[in-house]
C-alpha atoms as a PDB file:
ATOM      1  CA  MET A   1      32.250-160.076 -93.935  1.00  0.00           C
ATOM      2  CA  GLN A   2      30.482-157.388 -92.698  1.00  0.00           C
ATOM      3  CA  LYS A   3      27.021-157.021 -93.791  1.00  0.00           C
ATOM      4  CA  GLY A   4      25.669-154.113 -95.600  1.00  0.00           C
ATOM      5  CA  ILE A   5      28.857-152.460 -96.747  1.00  0.00           C
ATOM      6  CA  HIS A   6      28.961-154.131-100.174  1.00  0.00           C
ATOM      7  CA  PRO A   7      27.267-153.427-103.305  1.00  0.00           C
ATOM      8  CA  VAL A   8      24.215-155.211-104.691  1.00  0.00           C
ATOM      9  CA  TYR A   9      25.956-157.580-107.376  1.00  0.00           C
ATOM     10  CA  ARG A  10      23.556-158.216-110.368  1.00  0.00           C
ATOM     11  CA  GLU A  11      22.842-159.472-113.920  1.00  0.00           C
ATOM     12  CA  ALA A  12      23.722-156.701-116.429  1.00  0.00           C
ATOM     13  CA  THR A  13      23.799-156.481-120.097  1.00  0.00           C
ATOM     14  CA  VAL A  14      26.383-154.983-122.170  1.00  0.00           C
ATOM     15  CA  HIS A  15      25.236-153.095-125.393  1.00  0.00           C
ATOM     16  CA  CYS A  16      28.119-152.440-128.107  1.00  0.00           C
ATOM     17  CA  ALA A  17      27.637-149.618-130.646  1.00  0.00           C
ATOM     18  CA  CYS A  18      28.348-152.511-133.018  1.00  0.00           C
ATOM     19  CA  GLY A  19      24.848-154.272-132.252  1.00  0.00           C
ATOM     20  CA  ASN A  20      26.505-156.890-130.207  1.00  0.00           C
ATOM     21  CA  THR A  21      24.996-157.513-126.710  1.00  0.00           C
ATOM     22  CA  PHE A  22      26.058-160.015-123.926  1.00  0.00           C
ATOM     23  CA  LYS A  23      25.232-160.881-120.261  1.00  0.00           C
ATOM     24  CA  THR A  24      27.501-160.252-117.442  1.00  0.00           C
ATOM     25  CA  ARG A  25      27.285-159.145-113.700  1.00  0.00           C
ATOM     26  CA  SER A  26      28.004-155.920-112.585  1.00  0.00           C
ATOM     27  CA  THR A  27      27.359-153.643-109.709  1.00  0.00           C
ATOM     28  CA  ILE A  28      26.162-150.802-112.054  1.00  0.00           C
ATOM     29  CA  GLY A  29      23.431-152.299-113.899  1.00  0.00           C
ATOM     30  CA  ASN A  30      23.278-152.060-117.709  1.00  0.00           C
ATOM     31  CA  ILE A  31      26.640-150.974-119.744  1.00  0.00           C
ATOM     32  CA  LYS A  32      26.912-149.377-123.302  1.00  0.00           C
ATOM     33  CA  VAL A  33      30.262-149.594-124.862  1.00  0.00           C
ATOM     34  CA  ASP A  34      31.623-148.044-128.140  1.00  0.00           C
ATOM     35  CA  ILE A  35      33.857-150.954-128.870  1.00  0.00           C
ATOM     36  CA  CYS A  36      33.717-154.863-127.847  1.00  0.00           C
ATOM     37  CA  ALA A  37      35.585-157.968-128.431  1.00  0.00           C
ATOM     38  CA  GLY A  38      33.519-158.443-131.436  1.00  0.00           C
ATOM     39  CA  CYS A  39      34.358-155.177-133.137  1.00  0.00           C
ATOM     40  CA  HIS A  40      37.961-154.639-131.544  1.00  0.00           C
ATOM     41  CA  PRO A  41      40.425-154.614-134.487  1.00  0.00           C
ATOM     42  CA  PHE A  42      42.723-156.524-132.141  1.00  0.00           C
ATOM     43  CA  PHE A  43      40.476-159.250-131.953  1.00  0.00           C
ATOM     44  CA  THR A  44      39.299-159.256-135.489  1.00  0.00           C
ATOM     45  CA  GLY A  45      42.435-158.910-137.017  1.00  0.00           C
ATOM     46  CA  THR A  46      41.013-155.730-139.130  1.00  0.00           C
ATOM     47  CA  GLN A  47      42.724-152.071-138.986  1.00  0.00           C
ATOM     48  CA  LYS A  48      40.225-149.398-139.169  1.00  0.00           C
ATOM     49  CA  ILE A  49      41.759-145.849-139.360  1.00  0.00           C
ATOM     50  CA  VAL A  50      39.756-143.098-137.940  1.00  0.00           C
ATOM     51  CA  ASP A  51      40.965-139.847-139.855  1.00  0.00           C
ATOM     52  CA  THR A  52      39.102-136.858-139.070  1.00  0.00           C
ATOM     53  CA  GLU A  53      41.564-133.970-140.259  1.00  0.00           C
ATOM     54  CA  GLY A  54      43.806-135.529-142.851  1.00  0.00           C
ATOM     55  CA  ARG A  55      46.331-136.357-140.315  1.00  0.00           C
ATOM     56  CA  VAL A  56      46.915-139.936-141.830  1.00  0.00           C
ATOM     57  CA  GLU A  57      47.941-138.468-145.209  1.00  0.00           C
ATOM     58  CA  ARG A  58      49.778-135.825-144.264  1.00  0.00           C
ATOM     59  CA  PHE A  59      52.031-138.293-142.248  1.00  0.00           C
ATOM     60  CA  LYS A  60      51.994-140.590-145.098  1.00  0.00           C
ATOM     61  CA  LYS A  61      53.172-137.788-147.635  1.00  0.00           C
ATOM     62  CA  LYS A  62      55.957-136.283-145.196  1.00  0.00           C
ATOM     63  CA  TYR A  63      57.753-139.864-144.874  1.00  0.00           C
ATOM     64  CA  ALA A  64      57.016-141.649-147.986  1.00  0.00           C
ATOM     65  CA  LYS A  65      60.442-142.587-150.050  1.00  0.00           C
ATOM     66  CA  LYS A  66      61.225-140.177-152.836  1.00  0.00           C
ATOM     67  CA  ASP A  67      61.950-142.396-155.784  1.00  0.00           C
ATOM     68  CA  LYS A  68      64.535-140.541-158.405  1.00  0.00           C
END
């Protein structure tokens, strides 16, 4: 490997919006993330629907079965 062309690989702390923190290594330093494995719906098994404009309700209303 050539000397002087590789970035410094140092310890970094990752901070999630849910409050979870863990240590890893990175070339950019400390990292702030919105979703981590501790709060991601795929890993936790919970589903969070973020609905800001009523899109989910409109979808459910449009495609709901109509009972007679």
